[in-house]
Amino acid sequence: MREIPFMADMKKLAQGIVVALVSVMVGYILFNSLYQPTQIAVDDLNETLVTGGHATEAGIATTAWSFYLLAIPLVILGGAVMLIVNAFKT
């Protein structure tokens, strides 16, 4: 059975939307689970900058790790946007 070009585009578009939604959900879950430790780390870093003391290694590591994890859904989201754009290319 021959596939209608329009339907193929719609299938690609639907895949892109699903990938985008999943990546947003993953990002939201990661952000919520990491917000508290990140906030603690940022407060620790601010206190260090104000007092001229030493930041705890855990605080710095938590901040770096959480931003790294938040980058993953953004990369997936970029892929989803590319899928959606490709769906409309002729």
PDB file of N, CA and C in Angstrom:
ATOM      1  N   MET A   1       0.843  -1.193   0.000  1.00  0.00           N
ATOM      2  CA  MET A   1       0.000   0.000   0.000  1.00  0.00           C
ATOM      3  C   MET A   1       0.886   1.254   0.000  1.00  0.00           C
ATOM      4  N   ARG A   2       0.595   2.136  -0.949  1.00  0.00           N
ATOM      5  CA  ARG A   2       1.394   3.357  -1.082  1.00  0.00           C
ATOM      6  C   ARG A   2       0.975   4.372  -0.023  1.00  0.00           C
ATOM      7  N   GLU A   3       1.978   5.004   0.600  1.00  0.00           N
ATOM      8  CA  GLU A   3       1.682   5.974   1.656  1.00  0.00           C
ATOM      9  C   GLU A   3       1.474   7.360   1.053  1.00  0.00           C
ATOM     10  N   ILE A   4       0.468   8.047   1.521  1.00  0.00           N
ATOM     11  CA  ILE A   4       0.191   9.407   1.057  1.00  0.00           C
ATOM     12  C   ILE A   4       1.242  10.338   1.678  1.00  0.00           C
ATOM     13  N   PRO A   5       1.896  11.202   0.871  1.00  0.00           N
ATOM     14  CA  PRO A   5       2.949  12.079   1.400  1.00  0.00           C
ATOM     15  C   PRO A   5       2.493  12.912   2.602  1.00  0.00           C
ATOM     16  N   PHE A   6       1.267  13.410   2.531  1.00  0.00           N
ATOM     17  CA  PHE A   6       0.742  14.237   3.628  1.00  0.00           C
ATOM     18  C   PHE A   6       0.697  13.439   4.927  1.00  0.00           C
ATOM     19  N   MET A   7       0.279  12.164   4.827  1.00  0.00           N
ATOM     20  CA  MET A   7       0.185  11.322   6.021  1.00  0.00           C
ATOM     21  C   MET A   7       1.576  11.043   6.601  1.00  0.00           C
ATOM     22  N   ALA A   8       2.564  10.883   5.720  1.00  0.00           N
ATOM     23  CA  ALA A   8       3.940  10.657   6.180  1.00  0.00           C
ATOM     24  C   ALA A   8       4.432  11.878   6.957  1.00  0.00           C
ATOM     25  N   ASP A   9       4.100  13.072   6.437  1.00  0.00           N
ATOM     26  CA  ASP A   9       4.473  14.308   7.130  1.00  0.00           C
ATOM     27  C   ASP A   9       3.801  14.387   8.493  1.00  0.00           C
ATOM     28  N   MET A  10       2.537  14.019   8.543  1.00  0.00           N
ATOM     29  CA  MET A  10       1.793  14.071   9.807  1.00  0.00           C
ATOM     30  C   MET A  10       2.381  13.083  10.825  1.00  0.00           C
ATOM     31  N   LYS A  11       2.833  11.925  10.307  1.00  0.00           N
ATOM     32  CA  LYS A  11       3.434  10.922  11.198  1.00  0.00           C
ATOM     33  C   LYS A  11       4.734  11.478  11.799  1.00  0.00           C
ATOM     34  N   LYS A  12       5.558  12.121  10.949  1.00  0.00           N
ATOM     35  CA  LYS A  12       6.803  12.727  11.431  1.00  0.00           C
ATOM     36  C   LYS A  12       6.506  13.833  12.438  1.00  0.00           C
ATOM     37  N   LEU A  13       5.486  14.621  12.142  1.00  0.00           N
ATOM     38  CA  LEU A  13       5.103  15.717  13.032  1.00  0.00           C
ATOM     39  C   LEU A  13       4.660  15.171  14.388  1.00  0.00           C
ATOM     40  N   ALA A  14       3.840  14.114  14.353  1.00  0.00           N
ATOM     41  CA  ALA A  14       3.363  13.495  15.596  1.00  0.00           C
ATOM     42  C   ALA A  14       4.542  12.946  16.404  1.00  0.00           C
ATOM     43  N   GLN A  15       5.503  12.314  15.720  1.00  0.00           N
ATOM     44  CA  GLN A  15       6.694  11.797  16.412  1.00  0.00           C
ATOM     45  C   GLN A  15       7.466  12.935  17.070  1.00  0.00           C
ATOM     46  N   GLY A  16       7.625  14.020  16.347  1.00  0.00           N
ATOM     47  CA  GLY A  16       8.339  15.188  16.880  1.00  0.00           C
ATOM     48  C   GLY A  16       7.649  15.761  18.101  1.00  0.00           C
ATOM     49  N   ILE A  17       6.313  15.845  18.043  1.00  0.00           N
ATOM     50  CA  ILE A  17       5.538  16.383  19.167  1.00  0.00           C
ATOM     51  C   ILE A  17       5.659  15.469  20.380  1.00  0.00           C
ATOM     52  N   VAL A  18       5.572  14.153  20.156  1.00  0.00           N
ATOM     53  CA  VAL A  18       5.695  13.192  21.261  1.00  0.00           C
ATOM     54  C   VAL A  18       7.081  13.305  21.906  1.00  0.00           C
ATOM     55  N   VAL A  19       8.131  13.367  21.074  1.00  0.00           N
ATOM     56  CA  VAL A  19       9.492  13.494  21.603  1.00  0.00           C
ATOM     57  C   VAL A  19       9.630  14.795  22.396  1.00  0.00           C
ATOM     58  N   ALA A  20       9.047  15.875  21.878  1.00  0.00           N
ATOM     59  CA  ALA A  20       9.110  17.167  22.575  1.00  0.00           C
ATOM     60  C   ALA A  20       8.412  17.090  23.925  1.00  0.00           C
ATOM     61  N   LEU A  21       7.220  16.487  23.956  1.00  0.00           N
ATOM     62  CA  LEU A  21       6.466  16.368  25.212  1.00  0.00           C
ATOM     63  C   LEU A  21       7.218  15.522  26.230  1.00  0.00           C
ATOM     64  N   VAL A  22       7.770  14.397  25.767  1.00  0.00           N
ATOM     65  CA  VAL A  22       8.514  13.516  26.676  1.00  0.00           C
ATOM     66  C   VAL A  22       9.737  14.247  27.233  1.00  0.00           C
ATOM     67  N   SER A  23      10.450  14.975  26.372  1.00  0.00           N
ATOM     68  CA  SER A  23      11.649  15.674  26.846  1.00  0.00           C
ATOM     69  C   SER A  23      11.294  16.788  27.826  1.00  0.00           C
ATOM     70  N   VAL A  24      10.157  17.451  27.606  1.00  0.00           N
ATOM     71  CA  VAL A  24       9.708  18.485  28.547  1.00  0.00           C
ATOM     72  C   VAL A  24       9.368  17.849  29.894  1.00  0.00           C
ATOM     73  N   MET A  25       8.680  16.690  29.853  1.00  0.00           N
ATOM     74  CA  MET A  25       8.332  15.997  31.103  1.00  0.00           C
ATOM     75  C   MET A  25       9.592  15.556  31.845  1.00  0.00           C
ATOM     76  N   VAL A  26      10.549  14.982  31.105  1.00  0.00           N
ATOM     77  CA  VAL A  26      11.802  14.540  31.728  1.00  0.00           C
ATOM     78  C   VAL A  26      12.527  15.742  32.338  1.00  0.00           C
ATOM     79  N   GLY A  27      12.576  16.829  31.597  1.00  0.00           N
ATOM     80  CA  GLY A  27      13.215  18.049  32.096  1.00  0.00           C
ATOM     81  C   GLY A  27      12.538  18.576  33.344  1.00  0.00           C
ATOM     82  N   TYR A  28      11.210  18.538  33.353  1.00  0.00           N
ATOM     83  CA  TYR A  28      10.436  19.018  34.507  1.00  0.00           C
ATOM     84  C   TYR A  28      10.718  18.167  35.740  1.00  0.00           C
ATOM     85  N   ILE A  29      10.721  16.839  35.548  1.00  0.00           N
ATOM     86  CA  ILE A  29      10.989  15.918  36.661  1.00  0.00           C
ATOM     87  C   ILE A  29      12.410  16.128  37.186  1.00  0.00           C
ATOM     88  N   LEU A  30      13.378  16.211  36.263  1.00  0.00           N
ATOM     89  CA  LEU A  30      14.766  16.432  36.680  1.00  0.00           C
ATOM     90  C   LEU A  30      14.905  17.764  37.400  1.00  0.00           C
ATOM     91  N   PHE A  31      14.259  18.794  36.856  1.00  0.00           N
ATOM     92  CA  PHE A  31      14.363  20.125  37.457  1.00  0.00           C
ATOM     93  C   PHE A  31      13.794  20.120  38.870  1.00  0.00           C
ATOM     94  N   ASN A  32      12.614  19.492  39.035  1.00  0.00           N
ATOM     95  CA  ASN A  32      11.990  19.444  40.362  1.00  0.00           C
ATOM     96  C   ASN A  32      12.819  18.646  41.347  1.00  0.00           C
ATOM     97  N   SER A  33      13.374  17.524  40.892  1.00  0.00           N
ATOM     98  CA  SER A  33      14.145  16.683  41.810  1.00  0.00           C
ATOM     99  C   SER A  33      15.485  17.324  42.154  1.00  0.00           C
ATOM    100  N   LEU A  34      15.958  18.224  41.283  1.00  0.00           N
ATOM    101  CA  LEU A  34      17.269  18.834  41.516  1.00  0.00           C
ATOM    102  C   LEU A  34      17.186  20.273  42.008  1.00  0.00           C
ATOM    103  N   TYR A  35      15.975  20.826  42.040  1.00  0.00           N
ATOM    104  CA  TYR A  35      15.849  22.246  42.390  1.00  0.00           C
ATOM    105  C   TYR A  35      16.335  22.523  43.806  1.00  0.00           C
ATOM    106  N   GLN A  36      15.881  21.693  44.752  1.00  0.00           N
ATOM    107  CA  GLN A  36      16.247  21.896  46.159  1.00  0.00           C
ATOM    108  C   GLN A  36      17.765  21.833  46.375  1.00  0.00           C
ATOM    109  N   PRO A  37      18.438  20.740  45.950  1.00  0.00           N
ATOM    110  CA  PRO A  37      19.896  20.708  46.145  1.00  0.00           C
ATOM    111  C   PRO A  37      20.620  21.820  45.398  1.00  0.00           C
ATOM    112  N   THR A  38      20.102  22.180  44.214  1.00  0.00           N
ATOM    113  CA  THR A  38      20.728  23.259  43.445  1.00  0.00           C
ATOM    114  C   THR A  38      20.595  24.570  44.202  1.00  0.00           C
ATOM    115  N   GLN A  39      19.416  24.807  44.761  1.00  0.00           N
ATOM    116  CA  GLN A  39      19.173  26.036  45.511  1.00  0.00           C
ATOM    117  C   GLN A  39      20.117  26.121  46.712  1.00  0.00           C
ATOM    118  N   ILE A  40      20.291  24.988  47.396  1.00  0.00           N
ATOM    119  CA  ILE A  40      21.211  24.933  48.543  1.00  0.00           C
ATOM    120  C   ILE A  40      22.633  25.257  48.070  1.00  0.00           C
ATOM    121  N   ALA A  41      23.017  24.670  46.928  1.00  0.00           N
ATOM    122  CA  ALA A  41      24.363  24.894  46.390  1.00  0.00           C
ATOM    123  C   ALA A  41      24.557  26.354  46.000  1.00  0.00           C
ATOM    124  N   VAL A  42      23.535  26.949  45.374  1.00  0.00           N
ATOM    125  CA  VAL A  42      23.624  28.352  44.951  1.00  0.00           C
ATOM    126  C   VAL A  42      23.719  29.258  46.176  1.00  0.00           C
ATOM    127  N   ASP A  43      22.906  28.969  47.200  1.00  0.00           N
ATOM    128  CA  ASP A  43      22.975  29.745  48.446  1.00  0.00           C
ATOM    129  C   ASP A  43      24.368  29.638  49.059  1.00  0.00           C
ATOM    130  N   ASP A  44      24.909  28.433  49.039  1.00  0.00           N
ATOM    131  CA  ASP A  44      26.248  28.188  49.581  1.00  0.00           C
ATOM    132  C   ASP A  44      27.288  29.005  48.820  1.00  0.00           C
ATOM    133  N   LEU A  45      27.140  29.025  47.493  1.00  0.00           N
ATOM    134  CA  LEU A  45      28.078  29.755  46.644  1.00  0.00           C
ATOM    135  C   LEU A  45      27.958  31.257  46.889  1.00  0.00           C
ATOM    136  N   ASN A  46      26.718  31.761  46.999  1.00  0.00           N
ATOM    137  CA  ASN A  46      26.492  33.184  47.268  1.00  0.00           C
ATOM    138  C   ASN A  46      27.102  33.587  48.605  1.00  0.00           C
ATOM    139  N   GLU A  47      26.885  32.751  49.605  1.00  0.00           N
ATOM    140  CA  GLU A  47      27.431  33.016  50.941  1.00  0.00           C
ATOM    141  C   GLU A  47      28.955  33.072  50.880  1.00  0.00           C
ATOM    142  N   THR A  48      29.522  32.180  50.088  1.00  0.00           N
ATOM    143  CA  THR A  48      30.979  32.137  49.934  1.00  0.00           C
ATOM    144  C   THR A  48      31.486  33.414  49.286  1.00  0.00           C
ATOM    145  N   LEU A  49      30.790  33.862  48.236  1.00  0.00           N
ATOM    146  CA  LEU A  49      31.214  35.065  47.524  1.00  0.00           C
ATOM    147  C   LEU A  49      31.097  36.289  48.424  1.00  0.00           C
ATOM    148  N   VAL A  50      30.044  36.337  49.248  1.00  0.00           N
ATOM    149  CA  VAL A  50      29.819  37.483  50.129  1.00  0.00           C
ATOM    150  C   VAL A  50      30.838  37.501  51.264  1.00  0.00           C
ATOM    151  N   THR A  51      31.048  36.343  51.894  1.00  0.00           N
ATOM    152  CA  THR A  51      31.921  36.287  53.073  1.00  0.00           C
ATOM    153  C   THR A  51      33.388  36.122  52.707  1.00  0.00           C
ATOM    154  N   GLY A  52      33.662  35.753  51.464  1.00  0.00           N
ATOM    155  CA  GLY A  52      35.045  35.518  51.054  1.00  0.00           C
ATOM    156  C   GLY A  52      35.592  34.220  51.627  1.00  0.00           C
ATOM    157  N   GLY A  53      34.678  33.326  52.013  1.00  0.00           N
ATOM    158  CA  GLY A  53      35.084  32.038  52.578  1.00  0.00           C
ATOM    159  C   GLY A  53      35.322  31.019  51.479  1.00  0.00           C
ATOM    160  N   HIS A  54      35.209  29.753  51.827  1.00  0.00           N
ATOM    161  CA  HIS A  54      35.427  28.677  50.859  1.00  0.00           C
ATOM    162  C   HIS A  54      34.120  27.938  50.611  1.00  0.00           C
ATOM    163  N   ALA A  55      33.761  27.772  49.335  1.00  0.00           N
ATOM    164  CA  ALA A  55      32.559  27.009  48.991  1.00  0.00           C
ATOM    165  C   ALA A  55      32.826  25.538  49.281  1.00  0.00           C
ATOM    166  N   THR A  56      31.792  24.845  49.722  1.00  0.00           N
ATOM    167  CA  THR A  56      31.968  23.411  49.951  1.00  0.00           C
ATOM    168  C   THR A  56      32.045  22.717  48.604  1.00  0.00           C
ATOM    169  N   GLU A  57      32.862  21.686  48.526  1.00  0.00           N
ATOM    170  CA  GLU A  57      32.991  20.945  47.271  1.00  0.00           C
ATOM    171  C   GLU A  57      31.658  20.341  46.871  1.00  0.00           C
ATOM    172  N   ALA A  58      30.886  19.890  47.859  1.00  0.00           N
ATOM    173  CA  ALA A  58      29.580  19.283  47.573  1.00  0.00           C
ATOM    174  C   ALA A  58      28.659  20.293  46.908  1.00  0.00           C
ATOM    175  N   GLY A  59      28.687  21.527  47.390  1.00  0.00           N
ATOM    176  CA  GLY A  59      27.831  22.574  46.819  1.00  0.00           C
ATOM    177  C   GLY A  59      28.158  22.831  45.366  1.00  0.00           C
ATOM    178  N   ILE A  60      29.450  22.948  45.069  1.00  0.00           N
ATOM    179  CA  ILE A  60      29.873  23.208  43.691  1.00  0.00           C
ATOM    180  C   ILE A  60      29.541  22.012  42.800  1.00  0.00           C
ATOM    181  N   ALA A  61      29.811  20.810  43.297  1.00  0.00           N
ATOM    182  CA  ALA A  61      29.549  19.594  42.511  1.00  0.00           C
ATOM    183  C   ALA A  61      28.057  19.450  42.225  1.00  0.00           C
ATOM    184  N   THR A  62      27.217  19.742  43.226  1.00  0.00           N
ATOM    185  CA  THR A  62      25.762  19.629  43.042  1.00  0.00           C
ATOM    186  C   THR A  62      25.294  20.590  41.965  1.00  0.00           C
ATOM    187  N   THR A  63      25.789  21.824  42.014  1.00  0.00           N
ATOM    188  CA  THR A  63      25.383  22.826  41.025  1.00  0.00           C
ATOM    189  C   THR A  63      25.776  22.376  39.620  1.00  0.00           C
ATOM    190  N   ALA A  64      27.029  21.968  39.458  1.00  0.00           N
ATOM    191  CA  ALA A  64      27.514  21.551  38.138  1.00  0.00           C
ATOM    192  C   ALA A  64      26.729  20.344  37.629  1.00  0.00           C
ATOM    193  N   TRP A  65      26.507  19.366  38.500  1.00  0.00           N
ATOM    194  CA  TRP A  65      25.815  18.134  38.117  1.00  0.00           C
ATOM    195  C   TRP A  65      24.382  18.421  37.701  1.00  0.00           C
ATOM    196  N   SER A  66      23.682  19.293  38.434  1.00  0.00           N
ATOM    197  CA  SER A  66      22.281  19.566  38.119  1.00  0.00           C
ATOM    198  C   SER A  66      22.156  20.289  36.782  1.00  0.00           C
ATOM    199  N   PHE A  67      23.063  21.222  36.494  1.00  0.00           N
ATOM    200  CA  PHE A  67      22.995  21.920  35.211  1.00  0.00           C
ATOM    201  C   PHE A  67      23.306  20.960  34.063  1.00  0.00           C
ATOM    202  N   TYR A  68      24.220  20.016  34.313  1.00  0.00           N
ATOM    203  CA  TYR A  68      24.551  19.004  33.305  1.00  0.00           C
ATOM    204  C   TYR A  68      23.324  18.145  33.006  1.00  0.00           C
ATOM    205  N   LEU A  69      22.605  17.732  34.061  1.00  0.00           N
ATOM    206  CA  LEU A  69      21.414  16.898  33.867  1.00  0.00           C
ATOM    207  C   LEU A  69      20.304  17.667  33.166  1.00  0.00           C
ATOM    208  N   LEU A  70      20.198  18.961  33.433  1.00  0.00           N
ATOM    209  CA  LEU A  70      19.168  19.768  32.779  1.00  0.00           C
ATOM    210  C   LEU A  70      19.484  19.968  31.296  1.00  0.00           C
ATOM    211  N   ALA A  71      20.747  19.838  30.914  1.00  0.00           N
ATOM    212  CA  ALA A  71      21.121  20.004  29.509  1.00  0.00           C
ATOM    213  C   ALA A  71      20.628  18.842  28.657  1.00  0.00           C
ATOM    214  N   ILE A  72      20.511  17.641  29.256  1.00  0.00           N
ATOM    215  CA  ILE A  72      20.106  16.452  28.495  1.00  0.00           C
ATOM    216  C   ILE A  72      18.724  16.634  27.852  1.00  0.00           C
ATOM    217  N   PRO A  73      17.676  17.021  28.617  1.00  0.00           N
ATOM    218  CA  PRO A  73      16.368  17.224  27.981  1.00  0.00           C
ATOM    219  C   PRO A  73      16.394  18.326  26.924  1.00  0.00           C
ATOM    220  N   LEU A  74      17.243  19.339  27.105  1.00  0.00           N
ATOM    221  CA  LEU A  74      17.325  20.407  26.110  1.00  0.00           C
ATOM    222  C   LEU A  74      17.867  19.876  24.788  1.00  0.00           C
ATOM    223  N   VAL A  75      18.830  18.966  24.855  1.00  0.00           N
ATOM    224  CA  VAL A  75      19.377  18.345  23.638  1.00  0.00           C
ATOM    225  C   VAL A  75      18.294  17.512  22.956  1.00  0.00           C
ATOM    226  N   ILE A  76      17.538  16.739  23.765  1.00  0.00           N
ATOM    227  CA  ILE A  76      16.443  15.926  23.221  1.00  0.00           C
ATOM    228  C   ILE A  76      15.397  16.835  22.581  1.00  0.00           C
ATOM    229  N   LEU A  77      15.099  17.950  23.246  1.00  0.00           N
ATOM    230  CA  LEU A  77      14.114  18.910  22.736  1.00  0.00           C
ATOM    231  C   LEU A  77      14.584  19.489  21.402  1.00  0.00           C
ATOM    232  N   GLY A  78      15.885  19.750  21.294  1.00  0.00           N
ATOM    233  CA  GLY A  78      16.444  20.234  20.033  1.00  0.00           C
ATOM    234  C   GLY A  78      16.231  19.222  18.915  1.00  0.00           C
ATOM    235  N   GLY A  79      16.418  17.940  19.228  1.00  0.00           N
ATOM    236  CA  GLY A  79      16.169  16.873  18.254  1.00  0.00           C
ATOM    237  C   GLY A  79      14.714  16.830  17.838  1.00  0.00           C
ATOM    238  N   ALA A  80      13.819  17.043  18.803  1.00  0.00           N
ATOM    239  CA  ALA A  80      12.384  17.041  18.508  1.00  0.00           C
ATOM    240  C   ALA A  80      12.027  18.198  17.581  1.00  0.00           C
ATOM    241  N   VAL A  81      12.602  19.358  17.832  1.00  0.00           N
ATOM    242  CA  VAL A  81      12.353  20.525  16.977  1.00  0.00           C
ATOM    243  C   VAL A  81      12.848  20.238  15.566  1.00  0.00           C
ATOM    244  N   MET A  82      14.009  19.588  15.453  1.00  0.00           N
ATOM    245  CA  MET A  82      14.527  19.232  14.127  1.00  0.00           C
ATOM    246  C   MET A  82      13.590  18.262  13.414  1.00  0.00           C
ATOM    247  N   LEU A  83      13.032  17.287  14.162  1.00  0.00           N
ATOM    248  CA  LEU A  83      12.065  16.354  13.567  1.00  0.00           C
ATOM    249  C   LEU A  83      10.847  17.099  13.034  1.00  0.00           C
ATOM    250  N   ILE A  84      10.352  18.058  13.824  1.00  0.00           N
ATOM    251  CA  ILE A  84       9.171  18.826  13.411  1.00  0.00           C
ATOM    252  C   ILE A  84       9.492  19.660  12.173  1.00  0.00           C
ATOM    253  N   VAL A  85      10.663  20.297  12.168  1.00  0.00           N
ATOM    254  CA  VAL A  85      11.068  21.111  11.012  1.00  0.00           C
ATOM    255  C   VAL A  85      11.203  20.229   9.771  1.00  0.00           C
ATOM    256  N   ASN A  86      11.817  19.042   9.931  1.00  0.00           N
ATOM    257  CA  ASN A  86      11.974  18.114   8.804  1.00  0.00           C
ATOM    258  C   ASN A  86      10.630  17.643   8.269  1.00  0.00           C
ATOM    259  N   ALA A  87       9.625  17.556   9.142  1.00  0.00           N
ATOM    260  CA  ALA A  87       8.298  17.121   8.705  1.00  0.00           C
ATOM    261  C   ALA A  87       7.708  18.109   7.706  1.00  0.00           C
ATOM    262  N   PHE A  88       8.074  19.385   7.836  1.00  0.00           N
ATOM    263  CA  PHE A  88       7.500  20.402   6.950  1.00  0.00           C
ATOM    264  C   PHE A  88       8.382  20.736   5.756  1.00  0.00           C
ATOM    265  N   LYS A  89       9.606  20.173   5.722  1.00  0.00           N
ATOM    266  CA  LYS A  89      10.473  20.393   4.561  1.00  0.00           C
ATOM    267  C   LYS A  89       9.930  19.607   3.376  1.00  0.00           C
ATOM    268  N   THR A  90      10.086  20.165   2.197  1.00  0.00           N
ATOM    269  CA  THR A  90       9.599  19.452   1.000  1.00  0.00           C
ATOM    270  C   THR A  90      10.773  18.911   0.207  1.00  0.00           C
TER     271      THR A  90
END
